[in-house]
C-alpha atoms as a PDB file:
ATOM      1  CA  MET A   1     -19.744  12.300  42.380  1.00  0.00           C
ATOM      2  CA  ASN A   2     -21.347   9.723  40.387  1.00  0.00           C
ATOM      3  CA  LYS A   3     -21.986  12.015  37.282  1.00  0.00           C
ATOM      4  CA  LEU A   4     -18.185  12.726  37.452  1.00  0.00           C
ATOM      5  CA  LEU A   5     -17.457   9.143  37.652  1.00  0.00           C
ATOM      6  CA  ILE A   6     -19.379   8.313  34.718  1.00  0.00           C
ATOM      7  CA  SER A   7     -18.156  11.568  32.591  1.00  0.00           C
ATOM      8  CA  LEU A   8     -14.746  10.072  33.137  1.00  0.00           C
ATOM      9  CA  ILE A   9     -15.655   6.547  32.065  1.00  0.00           C
ATOM     10  CA  PHE A  10     -17.331   8.014  29.257  1.00  0.00           C
ATOM     11  CA  PHE A  11     -14.354  10.168  27.698  1.00  0.00           C
ATOM     12  CA  THR A  12     -12.229   7.278  28.660  1.00  0.00           C
ATOM     13  CA  LEU A  13     -13.909   4.965  26.219  1.00  0.00           C
ATOM     14  CA  CYS A  14     -14.299   8.027  23.529  1.00  0.00           C
ATOM     15  CA  GLY A  15     -10.176   8.257  23.753  1.00  0.00           C
ATOM     16  CA  CYS A  16      -9.957   4.562  22.862  1.00  0.00           C
ATOM     17  CA  GLY A  17     -12.212   4.766  19.979  1.00  0.00           C
ATOM     18  CA  LEU A  18     -10.334   7.486  18.671  1.00  0.00           C
ATOM     19  CA  GLU A  19      -7.005   5.924  18.943  1.00  0.00           C
ATOM     20  CA  THR A  20      -8.410   2.880  17.357  1.00  0.00           C
ATOM     21  CA  ALA A  21      -9.989   5.035  14.212  1.00  0.00           C
ATOM     22  CA  GLY A  22      -6.438   6.894  14.142  1.00  0.00           C
ATOM     23  CA  THR A  23      -4.573   3.512  14.097  1.00  0.00           C
ATOM     24  CA  ALA A  24      -6.829   2.179  11.198  1.00  0.00           C
ATOM     25  CA  ALA A  25      -6.462   5.088   8.986  1.00  0.00           C
ATOM     26  CA  THR A  26      -2.905   4.779   9.672  1.00  0.00           C
ATOM     27  CA  GLY A  27      -2.751   1.310   8.489  1.00  0.00           C
ATOM     28  CA  ALA A  28      -4.889   2.087   5.539  1.00  0.00           C
ATOM     29  CA  SER A  29      -2.537   4.676   4.311  1.00  0.00           C
ATOM     30  CA  LEU A  30       0.335   2.169   4.537  1.00  0.00           C
ATOM     31  CA  LYS A  31      -1.613  -0.299   2.728  1.00  0.00           C
ATOM     32  CA  LYS A  32      -2.305   2.443  -0.028  1.00  0.00           C
ATOM     33  CA  GLN A  33       1.396   3.114  -0.308  1.00  0.00           C
ATOM     34  CA  GLU A  34       2.364  -0.647  -0.658  1.00  0.00           C
ATOM     35  CA  LEU A  35      -0.081  -0.905  -3.172  1.00  0.00           C
ATOM     36  CA  GLU A  36       1.162   1.780  -4.871  1.00  0.00           C
ATOM     37  CA  GLU A  37       4.833   0.693  -4.842  1.00  0.00           C
ATOM     38  CA  GLY A  38       3.425  -2.616  -5.971  1.00  0.00           C
ATOM     39  CA  ARG A  39       2.239  -1.095  -9.150  1.00  0.00           C
ATOM     40  CA  LYS A  40       5.441   0.550  -9.695  1.00  0.00           C
ATOM     41  CA  THR A  41       7.391  -2.453  -9.302  1.00  0.00           C
ATOM     42  CA  MET A  42       5.107  -4.616 -11.425  1.00  0.00           C
ATOM     43  CA  GLN A  43       5.212  -1.796 -14.177  1.00  0.00           C
ATOM     44  CA  ARG A  44       9.073  -1.965 -14.297  1.00  0.00           C
ATOM     45  CA  VAL A  45       9.140  -5.757 -14.655  1.00  0.00           C
ATOM     46  CA  GLU A  46       6.881  -5.744 -17.658  1.00  0.00           C
ATOM     47  CA  ASP A  47       9.122  -2.994 -19.067  1.00  0.00           C
ATOM     48  CA  ARG A  48      12.223  -4.965 -18.600  1.00  0.00           C
ATOM     49  CA  ILE A  49      10.204  -8.432 -20.119  1.00  0.00           C
ATOM     50  CA  GLU A  50       9.228  -6.601 -23.163  1.00  0.00           C
ATOM     51  CA  GLN A  51      13.055  -4.979 -23.528  1.00  0.00           C
ATOM     52  CA  MET A  52      14.281  -8.706 -23.286  1.00  0.00           C
ATOM     53  CA  ASN A  53      11.416  -9.771 -25.842  1.00  0.00           C
ATOM     54  CA  ASP A  54      12.739  -7.415 -28.264  1.00  0.00           C
ATOM     55  CA  GLN A  55      16.251  -8.331 -27.717  1.00  0.00           C
ATOM     56  CA  THR A  56      15.537 -11.409 -28.130  1.00  0.00           C
ATOM     57  CA  GLN A  57      13.372 -10.944 -31.559  1.00  0.00           C
ATOM     58  CA  ALA A  58      16.511  -8.536 -32.815  1.00  0.00           C
ATOM     59  CA  ARG A  59      18.970 -11.441 -32.444  1.00  0.00           C
ATOM     60  CA  ILE A  60      16.750 -14.069 -33.830  1.00  0.00           C
ATOM     61  CA  ASN A  61      16.094 -11.280 -36.785  1.00  0.00           C
ATOM     62  CA  SER A  62      20.018 -11.012 -37.095  1.00  0.00           C
ATOM     63  CA  PHE A  63      20.562 -14.768 -37.290  1.00  0.00           C
ATOM     64  CA  ASP A  64      17.895 -15.127 -40.352  1.00  0.00           C
ATOM     65  CA  ASP A  65      20.017 -12.373 -42.406  1.00  0.00           C
END
């Protein structure tokens, strides 16, 4: 009976640890995905800024002519 109780407690605690590890892995995966989306957004913004700078320079050049 004593061994059964100890085994039950042991396996219950192990199960909690596995759940925590799984939750941490899921959280890390979501953070990685958020980081990748942020990088893509930053690249789009940088591209758009570069386009706007090119347009502004073209307008300046057209006024100089």
